[in-house]
């Protein structure tokens, strides 16, 4: 599907990856509608790009519906908003679990449910979901986040099949570790030794390819991580044993994970 001239709704627009997405989509000629919770940053970004801004808290189902009502005629959804939801599940209160599930999984599902009928009636449109390589392989200190990304992956692949005959594309873009944005940049945690990253611009480029080429899934990560996640997806027990037995870099990774969890605690 062509992005130029299309009305594109981008959620989570004010984060690091969100800003890269906004700039790339604007450069592609999209008529942008940006949404997020931080109205000051949202309005500034919209003014910079000549876009429209609609503030919304995606943890609130009423605001999700209002967002769709305010954005009639959307041709492309780029569902990027997500909470980090890192850390031990036993440290979470019930309302924090509900919020993570609402933003990371329920909101993308509801946005698709509310926007897809208009796209199907027009015989064109695209739903692009920003997932994570955590949707293919489980890691420590991320059970809640991983659950939402596994769920999003299954939802996107199944919905793609459901909407194919209606002319509506569905894509999933799954980044690995991201530099300049995301958990390392936002928390100040050091990238563990041996871990290679991708840039927000690479993620944005993958989203453009996913929409314009109607790709079902793009994994934007170094080859080694993609291979490890593919193995873990098929053989989770083996991957867990290999992780526990691998001493090299394990200490650095555990220290970085703990630092990230503490820094993200206030975002729950």
C-alpha atoms as a PDB file:
ATOM      1  CA  UNK A   1       0.000   0.000   0.000  1.00  0.00           C
ATOM      2  CA  UNK A   2       1.209   3.516  -0.761  1.00  0.00           C
ATOM      3  CA  UNK A   3       1.927   5.671   2.270  1.00  0.00           C
ATOM      4  CA  UNK A   4       2.086   8.916   0.313  1.00  0.00           C
ATOM      5  CA  UNK A   5      -1.274  10.631   0.643  1.00  0.00           C
ATOM      6  CA  UNK A   6      -2.601   8.061   3.117  1.00  0.00           C
ATOM      7  CA  UNK A   7      -3.962   9.061   6.510  1.00  0.00           C
ATOM      8  CA  UNK A   8      -1.759   7.319   9.068  1.00  0.00           C
ATOM      9  CA  UNK A   9      -2.580   7.051  12.775  1.00  0.00           C
ATOM     10  CA  UNK A  10       0.572   6.566  14.856  1.00  0.00           C
ATOM     11  CA  UNK A  11       0.290   5.646  18.533  1.00  0.00           C
ATOM     12  CA  UNK A  12       3.101   6.175  21.017  1.00  0.00           C
ATOM     13  CA  UNK A  13       4.366   9.021  18.845  1.00  0.00           C
ATOM     14  CA  UNK A  14       6.463  10.854  21.433  1.00  0.00           C
ATOM     15  CA  UNK A  15       8.841   8.053  22.426  1.00  0.00           C
ATOM     16  CA  UNK A  16      12.208   7.507  20.768  1.00  0.00           C
ATOM     17  CA  UNK A  17      10.980   4.959  18.238  1.00  0.00           C
ATOM     18  CA  UNK A  18       7.719   6.869  17.880  1.00  0.00           C
ATOM     19  CA  UNK A  19       9.517  10.054  16.898  1.00  0.00           C
ATOM     20  CA  UNK A  20      11.607   8.189  14.332  1.00  0.00           C
ATOM     21  CA  UNK A  21       8.439   6.665  12.930  1.00  0.00           C
ATOM     22  CA  UNK A  22       6.722  10.039  12.785  1.00  0.00           C
ATOM     23  CA  UNK A  23       9.602  11.650  10.903  1.00  0.00           C
ATOM     24  CA  UNK A  24       9.894   8.760   8.438  1.00  0.00           C
ATOM     25  CA  UNK A  25       6.154   8.579   7.771  1.00  0.00           C
ATOM     26  CA  UNK A  26       6.022  12.338   7.236  1.00  0.00           C
ATOM     27  CA  UNK A  27       8.961  12.054   4.807  1.00  0.00           C
ATOM     28  CA  UNK A  28       7.013   9.363   2.950  1.00  0.00           C
ATOM     29  CA  UNK A  29       4.187  11.853   2.409  1.00  0.00           C
ATOM     30  CA  UNK A  30       1.686  10.542   4.945  1.00  0.00           C
ATOM     31  CA  UNK A  31      -1.084  12.683   6.357  1.00  0.00           C
ATOM     32  CA  UNK A  32      -0.181  12.037   9.965  1.00  0.00           C
ATOM     33  CA  UNK A  33      -2.339  11.799  13.059  1.00  0.00           C
ATOM     34  CA  UNK A  34      -0.138  11.469  16.144  1.00  0.00           C
ATOM     35  CA  UNK A  35      -1.340  10.256  19.511  1.00  0.00           C
ATOM     36  CA  UNK A  36       0.178   9.835  22.945  1.00  0.00           C
ATOM     37  CA  UNK A  37      -0.358  10.905  26.551  1.00  0.00           C
ATOM     38  CA  UNK A  38       2.185  13.752  26.829  1.00  0.00           C
ATOM     39  CA  UNK A  39       0.325  16.614  25.216  1.00  0.00           C
ATOM     40  CA  UNK A  40       3.237  19.084  25.315  1.00  0.00           C
ATOM     41  CA  UNK A  41       5.623  16.761  23.460  1.00  0.00           C
ATOM     42  CA  UNK A  42       2.832  15.558  21.190  1.00  0.00           C
ATOM     43  CA  UNK A  43       1.757  19.041  20.129  1.00  0.00           C
ATOM     44  CA  UNK A  44       5.352  20.121  19.543  1.00  0.00           C
ATOM     45  CA  UNK A  45       6.054  17.109  17.321  1.00  0.00           C
ATOM     46  CA  UNK A  46       2.826  17.630  15.394  1.00  0.00           C
ATOM     47  CA  UNK A  47       3.685  21.284  14.788  1.00  0.00           C
ATOM     48  CA  UNK A  48       7.174  20.307  13.605  1.00  0.00           C
ATOM     49  CA  UNK A  49       5.822  17.810  11.075  1.00  0.00           C
ATOM     50  CA  UNK A  50       2.601  19.540  10.048  1.00  0.00           C
ATOM     51  CA  UNK A  51       0.635  16.686  11.585  1.00  0.00           C
ATOM     52  CA  UNK A  52      -2.526  16.496  13.671  1.00  0.00           C
ATOM     53  CA  UNK A  53      -2.316  15.524  17.331  1.00  0.00           C
ATOM     54  CA  UNK A  54      -4.961  13.749  19.419  1.00  0.00           C
ATOM     55  CA  UNK A  55      -4.055  13.062  23.040  1.00  0.00           C
ATOM     56  CA  UNK A  56      -5.259   9.729  24.414  1.00  0.00           C
ATOM     57  CA  UNK A  57      -4.465   7.338  27.249  1.00  0.00           C
ATOM     58  CA  UNK A  58      -4.685   3.884  25.679  1.00  0.00           C
ATOM     59  CA  UNK A  59      -5.136   2.209  29.062  1.00  0.00           C
ATOM     60  CA  UNK A  60      -8.663   3.703  29.075  1.00  0.00           C
ATOM     61  CA  UNK A  61     -11.084   1.875  26.700  1.00  0.00           C
ATOM     62  CA  UNK A  62     -13.251   4.984  26.469  1.00  0.00           C
ATOM     63  CA  UNK A  63     -10.333   7.040  25.231  1.00  0.00           C
ATOM     64  CA  UNK A  64      -9.455   4.362  22.673  1.00  0.00           C
ATOM     65  CA  UNK A  65     -12.961   4.633  21.243  1.00  0.00           C
ATOM     66  CA  UNK A  66     -12.841   8.428  21.302  1.00  0.00           C
ATOM     67  CA  UNK A  67      -9.510   8.353  19.477  1.00  0.00           C
ATOM     68  CA  UNK A  68     -11.047   6.332  16.662  1.00  0.00           C
ATOM     69  CA  UNK A  69     -14.102   8.614  16.547  1.00  0.00           C
ATOM     70  CA  UNK A  70     -11.773  11.613  16.229  1.00  0.00           C
ATOM     71  CA  UNK A  71      -9.737   9.973  13.450  1.00  0.00           C
ATOM     72  CA  UNK A  72     -12.272   9.059  10.803  1.00  0.00           C
ATOM     73  CA  UNK A  73     -10.871   7.916   7.485  1.00  0.00           C
ATOM     74  CA  UNK A  74      -7.647   6.318   8.754  1.00  0.00           C
ATOM     75  CA  UNK A  75      -5.951   4.301   5.990  1.00  0.00           C
ATOM     76  CA  UNK A  76      -3.010   2.974   8.010  1.00  0.00           C
ATOM     77  CA  UNK A  77      -2.606   2.241  11.717  1.00  0.00           C
ATOM     78  CA  UNK A  78       0.902   2.028  13.160  1.00  0.00           C
ATOM     79  CA  UNK A  79       0.346   0.707  16.684  1.00  0.00           C
ATOM     80  CA  UNK A  80       3.593   1.563  18.437  1.00  0.00           C
ATOM     81  CA  UNK A  81       2.536   2.511  21.994  1.00  0.00           C
ATOM     82  CA  UNK A  82       3.670   0.137  24.747  1.00  0.00           C
ATOM     83  CA  UNK A  83       4.630   0.078  28.397  1.00  0.00           C
ATOM     84  CA  UNK A  84       7.949  -1.566  29.328  1.00  0.00           C
ATOM     85  CA  UNK A  85       6.313  -3.881  31.909  1.00  0.00           C
ATOM     86  CA  UNK A  86       9.682  -5.228  33.037  1.00  0.00           C
ATOM     87  CA  UNK A  87      10.506  -6.966  36.285  1.00  0.00           C
ATOM     88  CA  UNK A  88       9.282  -9.807  38.460  1.00  0.00           C
ATOM     89  CA  UNK A  89       5.533 -10.385  38.145  1.00  0.00           C
ATOM     90  CA  UNK A  90       5.365 -10.843  41.934  1.00  0.00           C
ATOM     91  CA  UNK A  91       6.284  -7.164  42.340  1.00  0.00           C
ATOM     92  CA  UNK A  92       3.256  -5.985  40.349  1.00  0.00           C
ATOM     93  CA  UNK A  93      -0.051  -4.818  41.761  1.00  0.00           C
ATOM     94  CA  UNK A  94      -3.243  -5.952  40.026  1.00  0.00           C
ATOM     95  CA  UNK A  95      -3.920  -2.516  38.555  1.00  0.00           C
ATOM     96  CA  UNK A  96      -0.386  -2.371  37.120  1.00  0.00           C
ATOM     97  CA  UNK A  97      -0.908  -5.722  35.402  1.00  0.00           C
ATOM     98  CA  UNK A  98      -4.228  -4.504  34.012  1.00  0.00           C
ATOM     99  CA  UNK A  99      -2.601  -1.334  32.683  1.00  0.00           C
ATOM    100  CA  UNK A 100       0.239  -3.184  30.932  1.00  0.00           C
ATOM    101  CA  UNK A 101      -2.184  -5.613  29.290  1.00  0.00           C
ATOM    102  CA  UNK A 102      -4.486  -2.761  28.277  1.00  0.00           C
ATOM    103  CA  UNK A 103      -1.822  -0.619  26.601  1.00  0.00           C
ATOM    104  CA  UNK A 104       0.323  -3.353  25.080  1.00  0.00           C
ATOM    105  CA  UNK A 105      -2.334  -5.782  23.900  1.00  0.00           C
ATOM    106  CA  UNK A 106      -5.950  -4.755  24.407  1.00  0.00           C
ATOM    107  CA  UNK A 107      -5.558  -1.298  22.849  1.00  0.00           C
ATOM    108  CA  UNK A 108      -3.970  -2.557  19.597  1.00  0.00           C
ATOM    109  CA  UNK A 109      -6.678  -5.222  19.339  1.00  0.00           C
ATOM    110  CA  UNK A 110      -9.452  -2.669  19.905  1.00  0.00           C
ATOM    111  CA  UNK A 111      -7.940  -0.153  17.484  1.00  0.00           C
ATOM    112  CA  UNK A 112      -7.851  -2.885  14.842  1.00  0.00           C
ATOM    113  CA  UNK A 113     -11.421  -3.893  15.635  1.00  0.00           C
ATOM    114  CA  UNK A 114     -12.680  -0.318  15.339  1.00  0.00           C
ATOM    115  CA  UNK A 115     -10.637   0.739  12.299  1.00  0.00           C
ATOM    116  CA  UNK A 116     -10.727  -2.418  10.171  1.00  0.00           C
ATOM    117  CA  UNK A 117     -14.415  -2.181   9.125  1.00  0.00           C
ATOM    118  CA  UNK A 118     -13.832   1.160   7.422  1.00  0.00           C
ATOM    119  CA  UNK A 119     -10.735  -0.184   5.703  1.00  0.00           C
ATOM    120  CA  UNK A 120     -12.558  -3.327   4.575  1.00  0.00           C
ATOM    121  CA  UNK A 121     -15.441  -1.256   3.204  1.00  0.00           C
ATOM    122  CA  UNK A 122     -12.940   0.777   1.170  1.00  0.00           C
ATOM    123  CA  UNK A 123     -11.121  -2.378   0.041  1.00  0.00           C
ATOM    124  CA  UNK A 124      -7.774  -0.981   1.173  1.00  0.00           C
ATOM    125  CA  UNK A 125      -5.841  -0.227   4.345  1.00  0.00           C
ATOM    126  CA  UNK A 126      -3.096  -1.546   6.565  1.00  0.00           C
ATOM    127  CA  UNK A 127      -2.634  -2.389  10.235  1.00  0.00           C
ATOM    128  CA  UNK A 128       1.003  -2.400  11.385  1.00  0.00           C
ATOM    129  CA  UNK A 129       1.866  -3.524  14.909  1.00  0.00           C
ATOM    130  CA  UNK A 130       5.202  -2.873  16.592  1.00  0.00           C
ATOM    131  CA  UNK A 131       6.072  -6.004  18.495  1.00  0.00           C
ATOM    132  CA  UNK A 132       9.406  -7.171  19.858  1.00  0.00           C
ATOM    133  CA  UNK A 133      11.779 -10.087  19.516  1.00  0.00           C
ATOM    134  CA  UNK A 134      10.454 -10.802  23.024  1.00  0.00           C
ATOM    135  CA  UNK A 135       7.384 -12.030  21.152  1.00  0.00           C
ATOM    136  CA  UNK A 136       9.430 -14.964  19.881  1.00  0.00           C
ATOM    137  CA  UNK A 137      11.681 -15.847  22.809  1.00  0.00           C
ATOM    138  CA  UNK A 138      11.152 -15.525  26.549  1.00  0.00           C
ATOM    139  CA  UNK A 139      13.761 -13.814  28.708  1.00  0.00           C
ATOM    140  CA  UNK A 140      14.149 -13.291  32.467  1.00  0.00           C
ATOM    141  CA  UNK A 141      12.628 -10.271  34.214  1.00  0.00           C
ATOM    142  CA  UNK A 142      10.017  -9.758  31.499  1.00  0.00           C
ATOM    143  CA  UNK A 143       7.157 -12.227  31.951  1.00  0.00           C
ATOM    144  CA  UNK A 144       4.413  -9.608  31.653  1.00  0.00           C
ATOM    145  CA  UNK A 145       5.975  -7.732  28.732  1.00  0.00           C
ATOM    146  CA  UNK A 146       6.756 -11.007  26.976  1.00  0.00           C
ATOM    147  CA  UNK A 147       3.173 -12.186  27.427  1.00  0.00           C
ATOM    148  CA  UNK A 148       1.837  -9.085  25.683  1.00  0.00           C
ATOM    149  CA  UNK A 149       4.276  -9.409  22.773  1.00  0.00           C
ATOM    150  CA  UNK A 150       3.618 -13.132  22.298  1.00  0.00           C
ATOM    151  CA  UNK A 151      -0.084 -12.296  22.274  1.00  0.00           C
ATOM    152  CA  UNK A 152       0.340  -9.444  19.804  1.00  0.00           C
ATOM    153  CA  UNK A 153       2.273 -11.684  17.427  1.00  0.00           C
ATOM    154  CA  UNK A 154      -0.391 -14.367  17.401  1.00  0.00           C
ATOM    155  CA  UNK A 155      -3.145 -11.790  16.995  1.00  0.00           C
ATOM    156  CA  UNK A 156      -1.447 -10.069  14.062  1.00  0.00           C
ATOM    157  CA  UNK A 157      -0.768 -13.277  12.146  1.00  0.00           C
ATOM    158  CA  UNK A 158      -4.291 -14.575  12.594  1.00  0.00           C
ATOM    159  CA  UNK A 159      -5.910 -11.230  11.765  1.00  0.00           C
ATOM    160  CA  UNK A 160      -3.810 -11.017   8.597  1.00  0.00           C
ATOM    161  CA  UNK A 161      -5.471 -14.201   7.368  1.00  0.00           C
ATOM    162  CA  UNK A 162      -8.933 -12.963   8.341  1.00  0.00           C
ATOM    163  CA  UNK A 163      -8.598  -9.660   6.472  1.00  0.00           C
ATOM    164  CA  UNK A 164      -6.705 -10.805   3.389  1.00  0.00           C
ATOM    165  CA  UNK A 165      -9.783 -11.157   1.202  1.00  0.00           C
ATOM    166  CA  UNK A 166     -10.979  -7.693   2.267  1.00  0.00           C
ATOM    167  CA  UNK A 167      -7.859  -6.043   0.852  1.00  0.00           C
ATOM    168  CA  UNK A 168      -6.571  -5.006   4.279  1.00  0.00           C
ATOM    169  CA  UNK A 169      -2.955  -5.814   5.090  1.00  0.00           C
ATOM    170  CA  UNK A 170      -1.635  -6.693   8.544  1.00  0.00           C
ATOM    171  CA  UNK A 171       2.029  -6.573   9.514  1.00  0.00           C
ATOM    172  CA  UNK A 172       4.126  -7.170  12.590  1.00  0.00           C
ATOM    173  CA  UNK A 173       7.508  -5.464  12.990  1.00  0.00           C
ATOM    174  CA  UNK A 174       9.657  -6.936  15.761  1.00  0.00           C
ATOM    175  CA  UNK A 175      12.782  -5.000  16.804  1.00  0.00           C
ATOM    176  CA  UNK A 176      15.541  -6.461  18.889  1.00  0.00           C
ATOM    177  CA  UNK A 177      17.593  -4.268  21.227  1.00  0.00           C
ATOM    178  CA  UNK A 178      17.369  -0.651  20.066  1.00  0.00           C
ATOM    179  CA  UNK A 179      20.056   1.992  20.505  1.00  0.00           C
ATOM    180  CA  UNK A 180      19.253   5.701  20.880  1.00  0.00           C
ATOM    181  CA  UNK A 181      15.781   4.804  22.185  1.00  0.00           C
ATOM    182  CA  UNK A 182      14.081   2.163  24.277  1.00  0.00           C
ATOM    183  CA  UNK A 183      15.203   0.595  27.502  1.00  0.00           C
ATOM    184  CA  UNK A 184      18.944   1.291  27.331  1.00  0.00           C
ATOM    185  CA  UNK A 185      18.666   4.905  26.171  1.00  0.00           C
ATOM    186  CA  UNK A 186      15.735   5.689  28.474  1.00  0.00           C
ATOM    187  CA  UNK A 187      17.237   4.164  31.615  1.00  0.00           C
ATOM    188  CA  UNK A 188      20.958   4.795  31.133  1.00  0.00           C
ATOM    189  CA  UNK A 189      21.737   1.094  31.481  1.00  0.00           C
ATOM    190  CA  UNK A 190      24.829  -0.064  29.612  1.00  0.00           C
ATOM    191  CA  UNK A 191      24.329  -2.386  26.665  1.00  0.00           C
ATOM    192  CA  UNK A 192      25.798  -5.761  27.750  1.00  0.00           C
ATOM    193  CA  UNK A 193      29.030  -6.755  26.058  1.00  0.00           C
ATOM    194  CA  UNK A 194      28.487  -8.647  22.820  1.00  0.00           C
ATOM    195  CA  UNK A 195      24.949  -7.350  22.334  1.00  0.00           C
ATOM    196  CA  UNK A 196      24.383  -5.662  18.976  1.00  0.00           C
ATOM    197  CA  UNK A 197      21.608  -3.141  18.516  1.00  0.00           C
ATOM    198  CA  UNK A 198      19.501  -1.567  15.774  1.00  0.00           C
ATOM    199  CA  UNK A 199      18.557   2.091  15.435  1.00  0.00           C
ATOM    200  CA  UNK A 200      15.117   3.716  15.588  1.00  0.00           C
ATOM    201  CA  UNK A 201      15.618   4.726  11.947  1.00  0.00           C
ATOM    202  CA  UNK A 202      16.047   1.067  11.008  1.00  0.00           C
ATOM    203  CA  UNK A 203      12.814   0.217  12.829  1.00  0.00           C
ATOM    204  CA  UNK A 204      11.015   3.021  10.991  1.00  0.00           C
ATOM    205  CA  UNK A 205      12.386   1.765   7.678  1.00  0.00           C
ATOM    206  CA  UNK A 206      11.111  -1.729   8.464  1.00  0.00           C
ATOM    207  CA  UNK A 207       7.628  -0.340   9.142  1.00  0.00           C
ATOM    208  CA  UNK A 208       7.605   1.438   5.788  1.00  0.00           C
ATOM    209  CA  UNK A 209       8.643  -1.801   4.047  1.00  0.00           C
ATOM    210  CA  UNK A 210       6.015  -3.770   5.932  1.00  0.00           C
ATOM    211  CA  UNK A 211       3.230  -1.437   4.811  1.00  0.00           C
ATOM    212  CA  UNK A 212       4.315  -0.783   1.231  1.00  0.00           C
ATOM    213  CA  UNK A 213       5.262  -4.418   0.516  1.00  0.00           C
ATOM    214  CA  UNK A 214       2.479  -5.966   2.641  1.00  0.00           C
ATOM    215  CA  UNK A 215       4.932  -8.041   4.668  1.00  0.00           C
ATOM    216  CA  UNK A 216       3.460 -10.269   7.350  1.00  0.00           C
ATOM    217  CA  UNK A 217       6.441 -10.063   9.700  1.00  0.00           C
ATOM    218  CA  UNK A 218       9.776  -8.277   9.701  1.00  0.00           C
ATOM    219  CA  UNK A 219      12.314  -9.056  12.411  1.00  0.00           C
ATOM    220  CA  UNK A 220      14.645  -6.082  12.625  1.00  0.00           C
ATOM    221  CA  UNK A 221      17.579  -7.418  14.613  1.00  0.00           C
ATOM    222  CA  UNK A 222      21.127  -8.682  14.027  1.00  0.00           C
ATOM    223  CA  UNK A 223      21.339 -12.150  12.469  1.00  0.00           C
ATOM    224  CA  UNK A 224      22.673 -13.787  15.632  1.00  0.00           C
ATOM    225  CA  UNK A 225      19.711 -12.593  17.704  1.00  0.00           C
ATOM    226  CA  UNK A 226      17.229 -13.628  15.024  1.00  0.00           C
ATOM    227  CA  UNK A 227      18.723 -17.115  14.932  1.00  0.00           C
ATOM    228  CA  UNK A 228      18.734 -17.422  18.725  1.00  0.00           C
ATOM    229  CA  UNK A 229      15.103 -16.327  18.900  1.00  0.00           C
ATOM    230  CA  UNK A 230      14.118 -18.762  16.150  1.00  0.00           C
ATOM    231  CA  UNK A 231      15.722 -21.612  18.099  1.00  0.00           C
ATOM    232  CA  UNK A 232      14.125 -20.473  21.354  1.00  0.00           C
ATOM    233  CA  UNK A 233      10.728 -20.262  19.672  1.00  0.00           C
ATOM    234  CA  UNK A 234      10.931 -23.873  18.533  1.00  0.00           C
ATOM    235  CA  UNK A 235      12.932 -25.336  21.431  1.00  0.00           C
ATOM    236  CA  UNK A 236      12.265 -23.213  24.552  1.00  0.00           C
ATOM    237  CA  UNK A 237      13.624 -25.810  26.980  1.00  0.00           C
ATOM    238  CA  UNK A 238      16.899 -26.074  25.122  1.00  0.00           C
ATOM    239  CA  UNK A 239      17.192 -22.266  24.934  1.00  0.00           C
ATOM    240  CA  UNK A 240      16.620 -21.943  28.674  1.00  0.00           C
ATOM    241  CA  UNK A 241      19.277 -24.548  29.479  1.00  0.00           C
ATOM    242  CA  UNK A 242      21.708 -22.863  27.101  1.00  0.00           C
ATOM    243  CA  UNK A 243      21.101 -19.487  28.738  1.00  0.00           C
ATOM    244  CA  UNK A 244      21.633 -20.877  32.230  1.00  0.00           C
ATOM    245  CA  UNK A 245      24.797 -22.647  31.165  1.00  0.00           C
ATOM    246  CA  UNK A 246      26.309 -19.709  29.324  1.00  0.00           C
ATOM    247  CA  UNK A 247      28.652 -17.899  31.686  1.00  0.00           C
ATOM    248  CA  UNK A 248      30.099 -15.458  29.166  1.00  0.00           C
ATOM    249  CA  UNK A 249      28.430 -12.087  29.490  1.00  0.00           C
ATOM    250  CA  UNK A 250      25.806 -13.441  31.893  1.00  0.00           C
ATOM    251  CA  UNK A 251      26.859 -11.149  34.728  1.00  0.00           C
ATOM    252  CA  UNK A 252      26.781  -8.040  32.546  1.00  0.00           C
ATOM    253  CA  UNK A 253      23.369  -8.987  31.182  1.00  0.00           C
ATOM    254  CA  UNK A 254      21.918  -9.621  34.640  1.00  0.00           C
ATOM    255  CA  UNK A 255      23.287  -6.322  35.967  1.00  0.00           C
ATOM    256  CA  UNK A 256      21.874  -4.407  32.987  1.00  0.00           C
ATOM    257  CA  UNK A 257      18.500  -6.117  33.384  1.00  0.00           C
ATOM    258  CA  UNK A 258      18.282  -5.190  37.064  1.00  0.00           C
ATOM    259  CA  UNK A 259      19.199  -1.571  36.283  1.00  0.00           C
ATOM    260  CA  UNK A 260      16.535  -1.402  33.580  1.00  0.00           C
ATOM    261  CA  UNK A 261      13.875  -2.875  35.865  1.00  0.00           C
ATOM    262  CA  UNK A 262      14.574  -0.366  38.634  1.00  0.00           C
ATOM    263  CA  UNK A 263      14.597   2.582  36.245  1.00  0.00           C
ATOM    264  CA  UNK A 264      11.299   1.504  34.659  1.00  0.00           C
ATOM    265  CA  UNK A 265       9.491   0.784  37.929  1.00  0.00           C
ATOM    266  CA  UNK A 266       7.816   4.204  37.943  1.00  0.00           C
ATOM    267  CA  UNK A 267       6.316   3.558  34.496  1.00  0.00           C
ATOM    268  CA  UNK A 268       4.143   0.649  35.591  1.00  0.00           C
END
